[in-house]
Structure formats: structure tokens, C-alpha cells
Amino acid sequence: MTEEGSSGKRKPEKRGGRGKRVSLKEDEEKRLFGNYSGYKRRRTGRDSDVDRRIELFKREWFAGKDVVDLGCNDGAVLIEIASKHSIKSGIGVEIDEKLILRGRDALRKEVSKRKPRNTTTRGAYDAEVEKMKGWVPLSFRLAGMKAKPTSDSIDGEGYPFNITFVCEDILNERAGYLPEDSCDVVLLLSVTKWIQLHGGDKALKSLFHRIFRGLREGGILILEPQPFHSYKRKIKLHSHLRENYSRIRLKPEKFVNYLKKKVGFESSQVVRDREEGGGHQFNRAIYLLRKGKSAH
């Protein structure tokens, strides 16, 4: 659907709930943190269910590791990594509660695919599903976090029971999802733009240092920064985004150098210089940075 604009041109609309017409601009304004619905489809295309980033990730980076995905959206990437690479535990952190609920729903679908471990009777399977109620996730307990029992948590052993989704602002330094020396892998995929637009260079630098402290010796950060030219397309959404944009000095092409020289990462490697197909809207580099064995 479209509507008439002041210039006489017709502006696109999308259909909201209960037949309500919602302009695309209004929909964008709800995504001030990059919390887009259907983000995996936006990346892979409607005719593909393959996230080419994950095809580049090596099993040895994840197998038996504690993984934290910051800005996890609906958790699709974390779930796919966990299912393919046998992680020890995974925590996905996302500011949008609706996306967190989608991640939890996806985990329930994974549970529904599993056969009962001790018996083939439906009653026994139902009993296992009942364990989901009133349980505090293992990953919370290991990290020393306090949480009220919630029916949104899933009890069990191994995948998919080892994944937890947390609704939290990743810029909240008081949040307990990334305590010191608590994980082996941190994913920061297509998130840095939104951090800088909302908190400027200061917020991003602070997060880089918290990630470093949160990683154990030999731990890795997998970083996919958005290119700086993409920032400008979003600053029209709010005045504070424009203000922060004008003050940015730490550009994406300087991130790796900053992480090594100022934060303390020992080494870096390019996982992907650019995605094949230069016209793809997600043509982004991916870097792996490793914390040294004797880093503090």
C-alpha cells in the first residue's frame, strides 16, 4: 500500500496488526537499535536459508566452549552454531524482548524434535517438558547470576538446553552476563554501528574492554563491523543519533588496530575480507581477535 506525500509522490506503507497501515518510516523508528525482525532472512535472501558467515566459522573455535552472542537478534546464529559445533553453553543478549521470545520459541521447537531420553512413552516426554517450568538456566548459575525461576528457561543436558537468551542492553555495564574470565568466545556481529550511534566512541571502547576482560586466556572475539557509510542512512531516525554520528572518530577500519594496541588482544586474522558478490547489501568483513595466554 502507499500514501500520498507532500511532493505528490506516493510513499510506501506496510500492513500492521489488525489491518492497521504503518508507514515504513514508522516501522524503521521502532528499530532504533538495529533490532530488525526477520534479520536472518534479510541477510540470506528469501530463497536461501544459509547464513554464509557460519559456513566460514571453524568448529574448533566453538566445540566445548562457552559462547556469548551480543546483540543476538532472534538467536538464529547462536542456535545454528550451537547445533553444528557442540558448544558447552551459549548466552544470547538482545535489547528487544520480542526477539528474545522468538529465540526461546526456536529453542522449544528444537526440544520438540528430540525423542525422550529414557522412554518412548508420550507421558515421559511430557514430564521432561514440564522441567522447563521453574528452572534457573545452568549458564546463569555458572556465571554467578541471580535469576527468578521462569517458564521461559529450558532444563536438560546439551543442545538445545545449554542455550539461554537474556533481554538486556549490552551497554549496561552492571548487567551480569559477561563477568570477568567467564567465556571463550564473544560474537559481535553487525552491532558496532548501533553502539556508536547510541553511545558514541566512548560506549564502544568501553564494550571492547569489557569483552576483553570477560574472555578467558586464549579466548576469541569474532567481530563483524558495519561499514561507516552505512551509519548515515540511520541518523535521520533520531536527533541523538545524528549528534553521536557527528562526534565519531573511531571508524570501523580502525577497530582491529584499537583492539590490539589499546585493548590488549594479542593477534588478529581476517575471516572474510568481503562477501562474494559485491552487490550484496551485507558485504562486510569479519575479523577474529585472540586474547593472549598471559593477558590480564
C-alpha atoms as a PDB file:
ATOM      1  CA  MET A   1       0.000   0.000   0.000  1.00  0.00           C
ATOM      2  CA  THR A   2       1.066   3.605  -0.481  1.00  0.00           C
ATOM      3  CA  GLU A   3       0.072   7.058   0.687  1.00  0.00           C
ATOM      4  CA  GLU A   4       0.370  10.483  -0.931  1.00  0.00           C
ATOM      5  CA  GLY A   5       3.390  12.540   0.129  1.00  0.00           C
ATOM      6  CA  SER A   6       3.659  16.333   0.121  1.00  0.00           C
ATOM      7  CA  SER A   7       5.622  16.172  -3.142  1.00  0.00           C
ATOM      8  CA  GLY A   8       2.818  14.306  -4.867  1.00  0.00           C
ATOM      9  CA  LYS A   9       4.805  11.078  -4.889  1.00  0.00           C
ATOM     10  CA  ARG A  10       3.356   8.043  -3.212  1.00  0.00           C
ATOM     11  CA  LYS A  11       5.137   6.768  -0.129  1.00  0.00           C
ATOM     12  CA  PRO A  12       5.206   3.033   0.647  1.00  0.00           C
ATOM     13  CA  GLU A  13       3.295   1.592   3.567  1.00  0.00           C
ATOM     14  CA  LYS A  14       3.206  -1.778   5.220  1.00  0.00           C
ATOM     15  CA  ARG A  15       0.272  -3.513   6.821  1.00  0.00           C
ATOM     16  CA  GLY A  16       0.353  -3.614  10.617  1.00  0.00           C
ATOM     17  CA  GLY A  17      -1.619  -5.703  13.070  1.00  0.00           C
ATOM     18  CA  ARG A  18      -5.426  -5.898  12.676  1.00  0.00           C
ATOM     19  CA  GLY A  19      -5.261  -4.236   9.274  1.00  0.00           C
ATOM     20  CA  LYS A  20      -3.588  -1.074  10.568  1.00  0.00           C
ATOM     21  CA  ARG A  21      -1.490   0.733   7.993  1.00  0.00           C
ATOM     22  CA  VAL A  22       2.007   1.505   9.209  1.00  0.00           C
ATOM     23  CA  SER A  23       4.449   3.623   7.206  1.00  0.00           C
ATOM     24  CA  LEU A  24       7.889   2.175   6.552  1.00  0.00           C
ATOM     25  CA  LYS A  25       9.364   5.186   8.344  1.00  0.00           C
ATOM     26  CA  GLU A  26       7.345   4.383  11.470  1.00  0.00           C
ATOM     27  CA  ASP A  27       8.498   0.785  11.300  1.00  0.00           C
ATOM     28  CA  GLU A  28      12.138   1.909  10.992  1.00  0.00           C
ATOM     29  CA  GLU A  29      11.779   4.184  14.016  1.00  0.00           C
ATOM     30  CA  LYS A  30      10.871   1.139  16.106  1.00  0.00           C
ATOM     31  CA  ARG A  31      14.227  -0.390  15.116  1.00  0.00           C
ATOM     32  CA  LEU A  32      16.453   2.273  16.623  1.00  0.00           C
ATOM     33  CA  PHE A  33      18.815  -0.396  17.940  1.00  0.00           C
ATOM     34  CA  GLY A  34      19.039  -2.441  14.746  1.00  0.00           C
ATOM     35  CA  ASN A  35      16.519  -4.883  16.241  1.00  0.00           C
ATOM     36  CA  TYR A  36      15.017  -5.884  12.906  1.00  0.00           C
ATOM     37  CA  SER A  37      12.505  -8.690  12.718  1.00  0.00           C
ATOM     38  CA  GLY A  38      13.413 -11.460  10.294  1.00  0.00           C
ATOM     39  CA  TYR A  39      17.044 -10.372  10.258  1.00  0.00           C
ATOM     40  CA  LYS A  40      18.326 -13.743   9.044  1.00  0.00           C
ATOM     41  CA  ARG A  41      16.029 -13.551   6.006  1.00  0.00           C
ATOM     42  CA  ARG A  42      17.272 -10.031   5.307  1.00  0.00           C
ATOM     43  CA  ARG A  43      20.838 -11.377   5.238  1.00  0.00           C
ATOM     44  CA  THR A  44      20.356 -14.662   3.395  1.00  0.00           C
ATOM     45  CA  GLY A  45      17.640 -13.629   0.939  1.00  0.00           C
ATOM     46  CA  ARG A  46      14.161 -15.066   0.577  1.00  0.00           C
ATOM     47  CA  ASP A  47      15.376 -18.023  -1.489  1.00  0.00           C
ATOM     48  CA  SER A  48      18.089 -19.150   0.893  1.00  0.00           C
ATOM     49  CA  ASP A  49      18.250 -20.322   4.487  1.00  0.00           C
ATOM     50  CA  VAL A  50      22.055 -20.376   4.584  1.00  0.00           C
ATOM     51  CA  ASP A  51      23.965 -17.782   6.606  1.00  0.00           C
ATOM     52  CA  ARG A  52      27.289 -17.725   4.777  1.00  0.00           C
ATOM     53  CA  ARG A  53      29.082 -16.325   7.808  1.00  0.00           C
ATOM     54  CA  ILE A  54      28.548 -19.532   9.754  1.00  0.00           C
ATOM     55  CA  GLU A  55      29.976 -21.561   6.875  1.00  0.00           C
ATOM     56  CA  LEU A  56      33.252 -19.686   7.459  1.00  0.00           C
ATOM     57  CA  PHE A  57      33.359 -20.389  11.201  1.00  0.00           C
ATOM     58  CA  LYS A  58      35.572 -23.292  12.263  1.00  0.00           C
ATOM     59  CA  ARG A  59      34.364 -25.989  14.623  1.00  0.00           C
ATOM     60  CA  GLU A  60      37.495 -25.724  16.782  1.00  0.00           C
ATOM     61  CA  TRP A  61      36.569 -22.148  17.696  1.00  0.00           C
ATOM     62  CA  PHE A  62      33.357 -23.325  19.359  1.00  0.00           C
ATOM     63  CA  ALA A  63      33.440 -27.009  20.325  1.00  0.00           C
ATOM     64  CA  GLY A  64      33.261 -27.346  24.113  1.00  0.00           C
ATOM     65  CA  LYS A  65      33.336 -23.554  24.547  1.00  0.00           C
ATOM     66  CA  ASP A  66      31.223 -21.050  26.472  1.00  0.00           C
ATOM     67  CA  VAL A  67      29.859 -18.587  23.897  1.00  0.00           C
ATOM     68  CA  VAL A  68      28.246 -15.158  24.320  1.00  0.00           C
ATOM     69  CA  ASP A  69      26.432 -13.521  21.385  1.00  0.00           C
ATOM     70  CA  LEU A  70      25.993  -9.769  21.977  1.00  0.00           C
ATOM     71  CA  GLY A  71      23.100  -8.270  20.014  1.00  0.00           C
ATOM     72  CA  CYS A  72      21.888 -11.738  19.061  1.00  0.00           C
ATOM     73  CA  ASN A  73      18.608 -10.604  17.426  1.00  0.00           C
ATOM     74  CA  ASP A  74      16.299 -13.655  17.399  1.00  0.00           C
ATOM     75  CA  GLY A  75      19.147 -16.028  18.276  1.00  0.00           C
ATOM     76  CA  ALA A  76      19.266 -17.799  14.905  1.00  0.00           C
ATOM     77  CA  VAL A  77      23.055 -17.516  14.587  1.00  0.00           C
ATOM     78  CA  LEU A  78      23.753 -18.748  18.114  1.00  0.00           C
ATOM     79  CA  ILE A  79      21.331 -21.654  17.720  1.00  0.00           C
ATOM     80  CA  GLU A  80      22.894 -22.707  14.419  1.00  0.00           C
ATOM     81  CA  ILE A  81      26.433 -22.511  15.819  1.00  0.00           C
ATOM     82  CA  ALA A  82      25.395 -24.494  18.891  1.00  0.00           C
ATOM     83  CA  SER A  83      23.727 -27.207  16.818  1.00  0.00           C
ATOM     84  CA  LYS A  84      26.648 -27.556  14.396  1.00  0.00           C
ATOM     85  CA  HIS A  85      29.660 -27.130  16.650  1.00  0.00           C
ATOM     86  CA  SER A  86      28.763 -28.666  20.045  1.00  0.00           C
ATOM     87  CA  ILE A  87      29.330 -25.635  22.257  1.00  0.00           C
ATOM     88  CA  LYS A  88      29.378 -26.083  26.024  1.00  0.00           C
ATOM     89  CA  SER A  89      26.980 -23.201  26.702  1.00  0.00           C
ATOM     90  CA  GLY A  90      25.583 -20.185  24.905  1.00  0.00           C
ATOM     91  CA  ILE A  91      24.143 -16.880  26.095  1.00  0.00           C
ATOM     92  CA  GLY A  92      22.389 -14.596  23.626  1.00  0.00           C
ATOM     93  CA  VAL A  93      21.892 -10.967  24.699  1.00  0.00           C
ATOM     94  CA  GLU A  94      19.371  -8.734  22.938  1.00  0.00           C
ATOM     95  CA  ILE A  95      17.594  -5.494  23.897  1.00  0.00           C
ATOM     96  CA  ASP A  96      14.304  -6.358  22.148  1.00  0.00           C
ATOM     97  CA  GLU A  97      12.078  -8.597  24.259  1.00  0.00           C
ATOM     98  CA  LYS A  98      10.051  -9.737  21.246  1.00  0.00           C
ATOM     99  CA  LEU A  99      13.197 -11.043  19.567  1.00  0.00           C
ATOM    100  CA  ILE A 100      14.237 -12.793  22.778  1.00  0.00           C
ATOM    101  CA  LEU A 101      10.857 -14.521  22.896  1.00  0.00           C
ATOM    102  CA  ARG A 102      11.357 -15.664  19.308  1.00  0.00           C
ATOM    103  CA  GLY A 103      14.697 -17.139  20.285  1.00  0.00           C
ATOM    104  CA  ARG A 104      13.104 -19.019  23.160  1.00  0.00           C
ATOM    105  CA  ASP A 105      10.344 -20.256  20.856  1.00  0.00           C
ATOM    106  CA  ALA A 106      13.005 -21.515  18.454  1.00  0.00           C
ATOM    107  CA  LEU A 107      14.617 -23.455  21.299  1.00  0.00           C
ATOM    108  CA  ARG A 108      11.269 -25.038  22.153  1.00  0.00           C
ATOM    109  CA  LYS A 109      10.969 -26.155  18.541  1.00  0.00           C
ATOM    110  CA  GLU A 110      14.382 -27.772  18.839  1.00  0.00           C
ATOM    111  CA  VAL A 111      13.236 -29.517  22.031  1.00  0.00           C
ATOM    112  CA  SER A 112      10.133 -30.782  20.230  1.00  0.00           C
ATOM    113  CA  LYS A 113      12.346 -32.542  17.676  1.00  0.00           C
ATOM    114  CA  ARG A 114      14.086 -34.591  20.370  1.00  0.00           C
ATOM    115  CA  LYS A 115      12.970 -38.024  21.460  1.00  0.00           C
ATOM    116  CA  PRO A 116      12.554 -38.731  25.192  1.00  0.00           C
ATOM    117  CA  ARG A 117      15.870 -39.865  26.611  1.00  0.00           C
ATOM    118  CA  ASN A 118      14.607 -42.613  28.946  1.00  0.00           C
ATOM    119  CA  THR A 119      11.473 -43.966  27.342  1.00  0.00           C
ATOM    120  CA  THR A 120       9.380 -43.774  24.208  1.00  0.00           C
ATOM    121  CA  THR A 121       6.108 -43.023  26.009  1.00  0.00           C
ATOM    122  CA  ARG A 122       4.426 -39.683  25.480  1.00  0.00           C
ATOM    123  CA  GLY A 123       3.887 -39.283  29.212  1.00  0.00           C
ATOM    124  CA  ALA A 124       7.608 -39.418  29.903  1.00  0.00           C
ATOM    125  CA  TYR A 125       8.256 -36.833  27.192  1.00  0.00           C
ATOM    126  CA  ASP A 126       5.622 -34.527  28.681  1.00  0.00           C
ATOM    127  CA  ALA A 127       7.301 -34.936  32.064  1.00  0.00           C
ATOM    128  CA  GLU A 128      10.605 -33.803  30.574  1.00  0.00           C
ATOM    129  CA  VAL A 129       8.957 -30.767  29.018  1.00  0.00           C
ATOM    130  CA  GLU A 130       7.493 -29.927  32.425  1.00  0.00           C
ATOM    131  CA  LYS A 131      11.060 -29.479  33.686  1.00  0.00           C
ATOM    132  CA  MET A 132      11.099 -26.235  31.730  1.00  0.00           C
ATOM    133  CA  LYS A 133       8.972 -24.656  34.435  1.00  0.00           C
ATOM    134  CA  GLY A 134      10.535 -23.022  37.466  1.00  0.00           C
ATOM    135  CA  TRP A 135      14.139 -23.596  36.420  1.00  0.00           C
ATOM    136  CA  VAL A 136      17.120 -21.242  36.540  1.00  0.00           C
ATOM    137  CA  PRO A 137      19.398 -21.762  33.493  1.00  0.00           C
ATOM    138  CA  LEU A 138      22.733 -23.506  34.035  1.00  0.00           C
ATOM    139  CA  SER A 139      24.575 -20.707  32.227  1.00  0.00           C
ATOM    140  CA  PHE A 140      23.151 -18.222  34.762  1.00  0.00           C
ATOM    141  CA  ARG A 141      24.346 -20.337  37.681  1.00  0.00           C
ATOM    142  CA  LEU A 142      27.841 -20.781  36.223  1.00  0.00           C
ATOM    143  CA  ALA A 143      28.156 -17.033  35.724  1.00  0.00           C
ATOM    144  CA  GLY A 144      27.037 -16.344  39.291  1.00  0.00           C
ATOM    145  CA  MET A 145      23.930 -14.525  38.088  1.00  0.00           C
ATOM    146  CA  LYS A 146      20.760 -14.417  40.146  1.00  0.00           C
ATOM    147  CA  ALA A 147      17.528 -15.032  38.320  1.00  0.00           C
ATOM    148  CA  LYS A 148      13.981 -15.792  39.316  1.00  0.00           C
ATOM    149  CA  PRO A 149      12.660 -19.140  38.144  1.00  0.00           C
ATOM    150  CA  THR A 150      10.980 -18.679  34.772  1.00  0.00           C
ATOM    151  CA  SER A 151       8.978 -20.844  32.430  1.00  0.00           C
ATOM    152  CA  ASP A 152      10.995 -19.280  29.596  1.00  0.00           C
ATOM    153  CA  SER A 153      14.000 -21.398  30.591  1.00  0.00           C
ATOM    154  CA  ILE A 154      14.586 -24.933  29.353  1.00  0.00           C
ATOM    155  CA  ASP A 155      16.069 -27.654  31.563  1.00  0.00           C
ATOM    156  CA  GLY A 156      18.123 -30.533  30.243  1.00  0.00           C
ATOM    157  CA  GLU A 157      21.605 -31.541  29.137  1.00  0.00           C
ATOM    158  CA  GLY A 158      23.470 -30.495  25.985  1.00  0.00           C
ATOM    159  CA  TYR A 159      21.936 -28.796  22.960  1.00  0.00           C
ATOM    160  CA  PRO A 160      19.448 -27.082  22.901  1.00  0.00           C
ATOM    161  CA  PHE A 161      19.177 -26.991  26.703  1.00  0.00           C
ATOM    162  CA  ASN A 162      22.550 -25.254  27.025  1.00  0.00           C
ATOM    163  CA  ILE A 163      21.375 -22.004  25.417  1.00  0.00           C
ATOM    164  CA  THR A 164      19.957 -19.041  27.346  1.00  0.00           C
ATOM    165  CA  PHE A 165      18.535 -15.801  25.956  1.00  0.00           C
ATOM    166  CA  VAL A 166      18.758 -12.636  28.059  1.00  0.00           C
ATOM    167  CA  CYS A 167      16.801  -9.435  27.407  1.00  0.00           C
ATOM    168  CA  GLU A 168      19.336  -6.740  28.249  1.00  0.00           C
ATOM    169  CA  ASP A 169      21.006  -3.630  26.844  1.00  0.00           C
ATOM    170  CA  ILE A 170      24.559  -4.714  26.004  1.00  0.00           C
ATOM    171  CA  LEU A 171      25.742  -1.226  27.004  1.00  0.00           C
ATOM    172  CA  ASN A 172      24.545  -1.795  30.575  1.00  0.00           C
ATOM    173  CA  GLU A 173      27.832  -2.281  32.404  1.00  0.00           C
ATOM    174  CA  ARG A 174      26.044  -3.549  35.512  1.00  0.00           C
ATOM    175  CA  ALA A 175      24.485  -6.494  33.703  1.00  0.00           C
ATOM    176  CA  GLY A 176      25.894  -9.831  34.808  1.00  0.00           C
ATOM    177  CA  TYR A 177      26.053 -11.741  31.536  1.00  0.00           C
ATOM    178  CA  LEU A 178      29.776 -11.041  30.934  1.00  0.00           C
ATOM    179  CA  PRO A 179      31.704 -11.335  34.213  1.00  0.00           C
ATOM    180  CA  GLU A 180      35.490 -11.452  34.168  1.00  0.00           C
ATOM    181  CA  ASP A 181      37.075 -14.601  32.672  1.00  0.00           C
ATOM    182  CA  SER A 182      33.662 -16.171  32.062  1.00  0.00           C
ATOM    183  CA  CYS A 183      33.633 -17.193  28.398  1.00  0.00           C
ATOM    184  CA  ASP A 184      35.735 -18.441  25.499  1.00  0.00           C
ATOM    185  CA  VAL A 185      34.026 -16.800  22.530  1.00  0.00           C
ATOM    186  CA  VAL A 186      32.210 -13.485  22.072  1.00  0.00           C
ATOM    187  CA  LEU A 187      30.248 -12.774  18.900  1.00  0.00           C
ATOM    188  CA  LEU A 188      29.779  -9.128  17.934  1.00  0.00           C
ATOM    189  CA  LEU A 189      28.124  -9.357  14.541  1.00  0.00           C
ATOM    190  CA  SER A 190      26.735  -6.247  12.822  1.00  0.00           C
ATOM    191  CA  VAL A 191      26.249  -4.454  16.143  1.00  0.00           C
ATOM    192  CA  THR A 192      29.022  -1.834  16.360  1.00  0.00           C
ATOM    193  CA  LYS A 193      27.163   0.746  14.257  1.00  0.00           C
ATOM    194  CA  TRP A 194      24.259   0.846  16.688  1.00  0.00           C
ATOM    195  CA  ILE A 195      26.566   1.049  19.693  1.00  0.00           C
ATOM    196  CA  GLN A 196      28.328   4.087  18.268  1.00  0.00           C
ATOM    197  CA  LEU A 197      25.138   5.796  17.125  1.00  0.00           C
ATOM    198  CA  HIS A 198      23.641   5.444  20.596  1.00  0.00           C
ATOM    199  CA  GLY A 199      26.705   5.841  22.792  1.00  0.00           C
ATOM    200  CA  GLY A 200      29.474   7.218  20.614  1.00  0.00           C
ATOM    201  CA  ASP A 201      33.101   6.142  20.684  1.00  0.00           C
ATOM    202  CA  LYS A 202      33.082   6.011  24.477  1.00  0.00           C
ATOM    203  CA  ALA A 203      30.421   3.297  24.618  1.00  0.00           C
ATOM    204  CA  LEU A 204      32.112   1.147  22.001  1.00  0.00           C
ATOM    205  CA  LYS A 205      35.535   1.431  23.618  1.00  0.00           C
ATOM    206  CA  SER A 206      34.047   0.520  26.984  1.00  0.00           C
ATOM    207  CA  LEU A 207      32.358  -2.542  25.481  1.00  0.00           C
ATOM    208  CA  PHE A 208      35.576  -3.639  23.777  1.00  0.00           C
ATOM    209  CA  HIS A 209      37.362  -3.549  27.138  1.00  0.00           C
ATOM    210  CA  ARG A 210      34.532  -5.432  28.890  1.00  0.00           C
ATOM    211  CA  ILE A 211      34.643  -8.125  26.223  1.00  0.00           C
ATOM    212  CA  PHE A 212      38.396  -8.481  26.715  1.00  0.00           C
ATOM    213  CA  ARG A 213      38.001  -8.840  30.466  1.00  0.00           C
ATOM    214  CA  GLY A 214      35.148 -11.307  30.025  1.00  0.00           C
ATOM    215  CA  LEU A 215      37.178 -13.606  27.790  1.00  0.00           C
ATOM    216  CA  ARG A 216      39.382 -16.269  29.292  1.00  0.00           C
ATOM    217  CA  GLU A 217      43.016 -16.605  28.248  1.00  0.00           C
ATOM    218  CA  GLY A 218      43.164 -17.692  24.619  1.00  0.00           C
ATOM    219  CA  GLY A 219      39.542 -16.603  24.091  1.00  0.00           C
ATOM    220  CA  ILE A 220      38.365 -15.049  20.837  1.00  0.00           C
ATOM    221  CA  LEU A 221      36.230 -12.147  19.684  1.00  0.00           C
ATOM    222  CA  ILE A 222      34.541 -12.600  16.303  1.00  0.00           C
ATOM    223  CA  LEU A 223      33.808  -9.097  15.015  1.00  0.00           C
ATOM    224  CA  GLU A 224      31.698  -8.054  12.042  1.00  0.00           C
ATOM    225  CA  PRO A 225      31.593  -4.236  11.894  1.00  0.00           C
ATOM    226  CA  GLN A 226      29.219  -2.377   9.631  1.00  0.00           C
ATOM    227  CA  PRO A 227      30.965  -0.013   7.177  1.00  0.00           C
ATOM    228  CA  PHE A 228      30.903   3.630   8.192  1.00  0.00           C
ATOM    229  CA  HIS A 229      28.992   4.748   5.105  1.00  0.00           C
ATOM    230  CA  SER A 230      26.006   2.725   6.338  1.00  0.00           C
ATOM    231  CA  TYR A 231      25.757   4.837   9.519  1.00  0.00           C
ATOM    232  CA  LYS A 232      24.487   7.892   7.712  1.00  0.00           C
ATOM    233  CA  ARG A 233      21.386   6.130   6.430  1.00  0.00           C
ATOM    234  CA  LYS A 234      20.147   5.681  10.019  1.00  0.00           C
ATOM    235  CA  ILE A 235      20.879   9.046  11.619  1.00  0.00           C
ATOM    236  CA  LYS A 236      17.621  10.505  10.314  1.00  0.00           C
ATOM    237  CA  LEU A 237      15.701   8.283  12.714  1.00  0.00           C
ATOM    238  CA  HIS A 238      16.500  10.386  15.803  1.00  0.00           C
ATOM    239  CA  SER A 239      18.325  13.588  16.681  1.00  0.00           C
ATOM    240  CA  HIS A 240      20.634  11.918  19.220  1.00  0.00           C
ATOM    241  CA  LEU A 241      21.825   9.509  16.519  1.00  0.00           C
ATOM    242  CA  ARG A 242      22.807  12.491  14.376  1.00  0.00           C
ATOM    243  CA  GLU A 243      24.633  14.108  17.289  1.00  0.00           C
ATOM    244  CA  ASN A 244      26.613  10.971  18.103  1.00  0.00           C
ATOM    245  CA  TYR A 245      27.379  10.373  14.433  1.00  0.00           C
ATOM    246  CA  SER A 246      28.968  13.793  14.114  1.00  0.00           C
ATOM    247  CA  ARG A 247      31.341  13.026  17.007  1.00  0.00           C
ATOM    248  CA  ILE A 248      32.544   9.589  15.892  1.00  0.00           C
ATOM    249  CA  ARG A 249      36.313   9.419  15.445  1.00  0.00           C
ATOM    250  CA  LEU A 250      36.921   5.687  15.842  1.00  0.00           C
ATOM    251  CA  LYS A 251      35.945   4.440  12.385  1.00  0.00           C
ATOM    252  CA  PRO A 252      35.340   0.730  11.645  1.00  0.00           C
ATOM    253  CA  GLU A 253      38.560   0.398   9.663  1.00  0.00           C
ATOM    254  CA  LYS A 254      40.442   1.314  12.862  1.00  0.00           C
ATOM    255  CA  PHE A 255      38.700  -1.193  15.154  1.00  0.00           C
ATOM    256  CA  VAL A 256      41.210  -4.023  14.809  1.00  0.00           C
ATOM    257  CA  ASN A 257      44.170  -1.744  15.454  1.00  0.00           C
ATOM    258  CA  TYR A 258      42.435  -0.259  18.510  1.00  0.00           C
ATOM    259  CA  LEU A 259      41.593  -3.708  19.871  1.00  0.00           C
ATOM    260  CA  LYS A 260      45.227  -4.812  19.579  1.00  0.00           C
ATOM    261  CA  LYS A 261      47.028  -1.621  20.579  1.00  0.00           C
ATOM    262  CA  LYS A 262      44.694  -0.202  23.219  1.00  0.00           C
ATOM    263  CA  VAL A 263      42.586  -3.092  24.489  1.00  0.00           C
ATOM    264  CA  GLY A 264      45.209  -5.824  24.527  1.00  0.00           C
ATOM    265  CA  PHE A 265      44.241  -8.523  22.046  1.00  0.00           C
ATOM    266  CA  GLU A 266      47.337 -10.433  21.044  1.00  0.00           C
ATOM    267  CA  SER A 267      46.576 -11.355  17.443  1.00  0.00           C
ATOM    268  CA  SER A 268      44.029 -10.941  14.680  1.00  0.00           C
ATOM    269  CA  GLN A 269      43.084 -12.625  11.456  1.00  0.00           C
ATOM    270  CA  VAL A 270      40.684 -11.865   8.624  1.00  0.00           C
ATOM    271  CA  VAL A 271      37.912 -14.449   8.491  1.00  0.00           C
ATOM    272  CA  ARG A 272      36.330 -12.791   5.470  1.00  0.00           C
ATOM    273  CA  ASP A 273      37.674  -9.789   3.633  1.00  0.00           C
ATOM    274  CA  ARG A 274      34.442  -9.321   1.789  1.00  0.00           C
ATOM    275  CA  GLU A 275      31.425 -11.410   0.929  1.00  0.00           C
ATOM    276  CA  GLU A 276      31.343 -12.865  -2.553  1.00  0.00           C
ATOM    277  CA  GLY A 277      29.093 -10.803  -4.769  1.00  0.00           C
ATOM    278  CA  GLY A 278      29.977  -7.143  -4.399  1.00  0.00           C
ATOM    279  CA  GLY A 279      26.378  -6.026  -4.809  1.00  0.00           C
ATOM    280  CA  HIS A 280      25.141  -7.823  -1.686  1.00  0.00           C
ATOM    281  CA  GLN A 281      23.860  -5.407   0.938  1.00  0.00           C
ATOM    282  CA  PHE A 282      25.710  -7.340   3.675  1.00  0.00           C
ATOM    283  CA  ASN A 283      29.136  -7.176   2.086  1.00  0.00           C
ATOM    284  CA  ARG A 284      31.010  -6.978   5.391  1.00  0.00           C
ATOM    285  CA  ALA A 285      34.406  -8.035   6.626  1.00  0.00           C
ATOM    286  CA  ILE A 286      34.735 -10.390   9.601  1.00  0.00           C
ATOM    287  CA  TYR A 287      37.719 -10.482  11.952  1.00  0.00           C
ATOM    288  CA  LEU A 288      38.861 -12.862  14.667  1.00  0.00           C
ATOM    289  CA  LEU A 289      40.866 -11.413  17.565  1.00  0.00           C
ATOM    290  CA  ARG A 290      42.502 -13.610  20.165  1.00  0.00           C
ATOM    291  CA  LYS A 291      43.310 -12.821  23.783  1.00  0.00           C
ATOM    292  CA  GLY A 292      46.823 -13.871  24.760  1.00  0.00           C
ATOM    293  CA  LYS A 293      47.555 -16.689  27.171  1.00  0.00           C
ATOM    294  CA  SER A 294      49.052 -14.342  29.760  1.00  0.00           C
ATOM    295  CA  ALA A 295      46.675 -11.394  29.204  1.00  0.00           C
ATOM    296  CA  HIS A 296      45.196  -9.651  32.249  1.00  0.00           C
END
